[in-house]
Amino acid sequence: MTDDTVIVNIQPEDTVEVNFTSSPITSINGYVGEVVLNKTDIGLDQVDNTSDLDKPISTATEHALSLKADLSAIGDNVLLRDAAGVLWKLEVDVFGQLYANLYG
């Protein structure tokens, strides 16, 4: 680093003012003179405005989610026999988690 290196940790909601005492910059992002940049000036205006529901998911993730069983469709009498021949009863707890109990 040189003596005129500035490291700034910017958060999306921050407005940053930079003053240089040596080797002044003549323009930043189209602005000249004393410059104050905010998140819109550097393309971050939509960073904290995207809801989780509006965020895209990959095709692979969408496909994997479509293969999942609807836990609300599992009744009280779902039995599963594993490869060893052991019988298990599938149940959904009050938190919506699926678990298997040894049956019989």
Protein backbone atom coordinates (compact mmCIF):
# COMPACT_ATOMS: atom_id res chain seq x y z
CA MET A 1 0.00 0.00 0.00
CA THR A 2 1.05 3.54 -0.63
CA ASP A 3 0.48 6.48 1.71
CA ASP A 4 -2.60 7.54 -0.25
CA THR A 5 -4.34 4.14 -0.14
CA VAL A 6 -7.73 4.27 1.55
CA ILE A 7 -9.60 1.15 2.65
CA VAL A 8 -13.28 1.68 3.38
CA ASN A 9 -15.79 -0.90 4.65
CA ILE A 10 -19.13 0.16 3.14
CA GLN A 11 -22.51 -1.15 4.25
CA PRO A 12 -25.49 -0.93 1.84
CA GLU A 13 -27.21 1.79 3.91
CA ASP A 14 -24.06 3.95 4.19
CA THR A 15 -23.26 7.21 2.48
CA VAL A 16 -19.54 7.63 2.06
CA GLU A 17 -17.65 10.90 1.91
CA VAL A 18 -14.02 10.75 0.84
CA ASN A 19 -11.62 13.65 1.21
CA PHE A 20 -8.12 13.37 -0.26
CA THR A 21 -5.26 15.56 0.89
CA SER A 22 -2.70 14.34 -1.65
CA SER A 23 -3.07 13.33 -5.29
CA PRO A 24 -6.73 14.34 -5.47
CA ILE A 25 -9.03 12.46 -7.81
CA THR A 26 -10.53 14.69 -10.47
CA SER A 27 -13.76 12.71 -10.96
CA ILE A 28 -15.61 9.71 -9.53
CA ASN A 29 -18.45 7.96 -11.35
CA GLY A 30 -19.10 11.05 -13.46
CA TYR A 31 -18.97 13.49 -10.54
CA VAL A 32 -16.33 16.22 -10.31
CA GLY A 33 -15.20 18.42 -7.43
CA GLU A 34 -16.12 17.44 -3.88
CA VAL A 35 -17.82 14.08 -4.28
CA VAL A 36 -20.20 12.26 -1.95
CA LEU A 37 -21.33 8.84 -3.18
CA ASN A 38 -24.29 6.88 -1.90
CA LYS A 39 -25.38 3.32 -2.67
CA THR A 40 -27.38 4.36 -5.75
CA ASP A 41 -24.29 5.97 -7.29
CA ILE A 42 -22.40 2.67 -7.25
CA GLY A 43 -25.28 0.34 -8.20
CA LEU A 44 -26.26 -0.89 -4.75
CA ASP A 45 -29.68 0.75 -4.56
CA GLN A 46 -31.55 -2.57 -4.87
CA VAL A 47 -29.26 -4.61 -2.61
CA ASP A 48 -31.44 -4.54 0.49
CA ASN A 49 -34.79 -4.27 -1.30
CA THR A 50 -35.09 -7.84 -2.62
CA SER A 51 -37.39 -10.02 -0.54
CA ASP A 52 -36.50 -13.67 -0.11
CA LEU A 53 -39.58 -14.67 -2.14
CA ASP A 54 -38.36 -12.56 -5.07
CA LYS A 55 -34.89 -14.11 -5.16
CA PRO A 56 -34.43 -16.63 -7.97
CA ILE A 57 -33.56 -20.27 -7.38
CA SER A 58 -31.74 -22.55 -9.79
CA THR A 59 -33.56 -25.03 -12.00
CA ALA A 60 -31.86 -27.87 -10.11
CA THR A 61 -33.10 -26.54 -6.77
CA GLU A 62 -36.61 -26.04 -8.13
CA HIS A 63 -36.62 -29.63 -9.45
CA ALA A 64 -35.36 -31.05 -6.13
CA LEU A 65 -38.04 -29.14 -4.22
CA SER A 66 -40.76 -30.43 -6.55
CA LEU A 67 -39.78 -34.02 -5.67
CA LYS A 68 -40.23 -33.54 -1.93
CA ALA A 69 -43.24 -35.17 -0.28
CA ASP A 70 -45.95 -32.91 1.08
CA LEU A 71 -45.77 -33.67 4.81
CA SER A 72 -49.40 -32.65 5.29
CA ALA A 73 -50.39 -35.54 2.99
CA ILE A 74 -48.81 -38.17 5.26
CA GLY A 75 -51.52 -39.78 7.34
CA ASP A 76 -51.33 -41.74 10.55
CA ASN A 77 -50.96 -45.15 8.92
CA VAL A 78 -47.93 -44.85 6.65
CA LEU A 79 -45.66 -47.86 6.97
CA LEU A 80 -42.31 -48.40 5.29
CA ARG A 81 -40.36 -51.64 5.06
CA ASP A 82 -36.60 -51.15 4.72
CA ALA A 83 -34.14 -53.35 2.82
CA ALA A 84 -33.63 -55.55 5.90
CA GLY A 85 -37.36 -56.18 6.15
CA VAL A 86 -37.85 -54.00 9.25
CA LEU A 87 -41.20 -52.18 9.37
CA TRP A 88 -41.23 -48.47 10.25
CA LYS A 89 -44.16 -46.12 10.88
CA LEU A 90 -43.73 -42.64 9.40
CA GLU A 91 -45.14 -39.74 11.39
CA VAL A 92 -45.02 -35.96 11.33
CA ASP A 93 -44.42 -34.18 14.64
CA VAL A 94 -46.06 -30.91 15.73
CA PHE A 95 -43.17 -28.97 14.17
CA GLY A 96 -43.72 -30.54 10.73
CA GLN A 97 -40.66 -32.78 10.93
CA LEU A 98 -40.91 -36.27 9.48
CA TYR A 99 -39.59 -39.13 11.60
CA ALA A 100 -39.80 -42.92 11.57
CA ASN A 101 -40.56 -45.16 14.52
CA LEU A 102 -39.95 -48.88 14.65
CA TYR A 103 -43.33 -50.49 14.10
CA GLY A 104 -44.69 -53.57 15.77
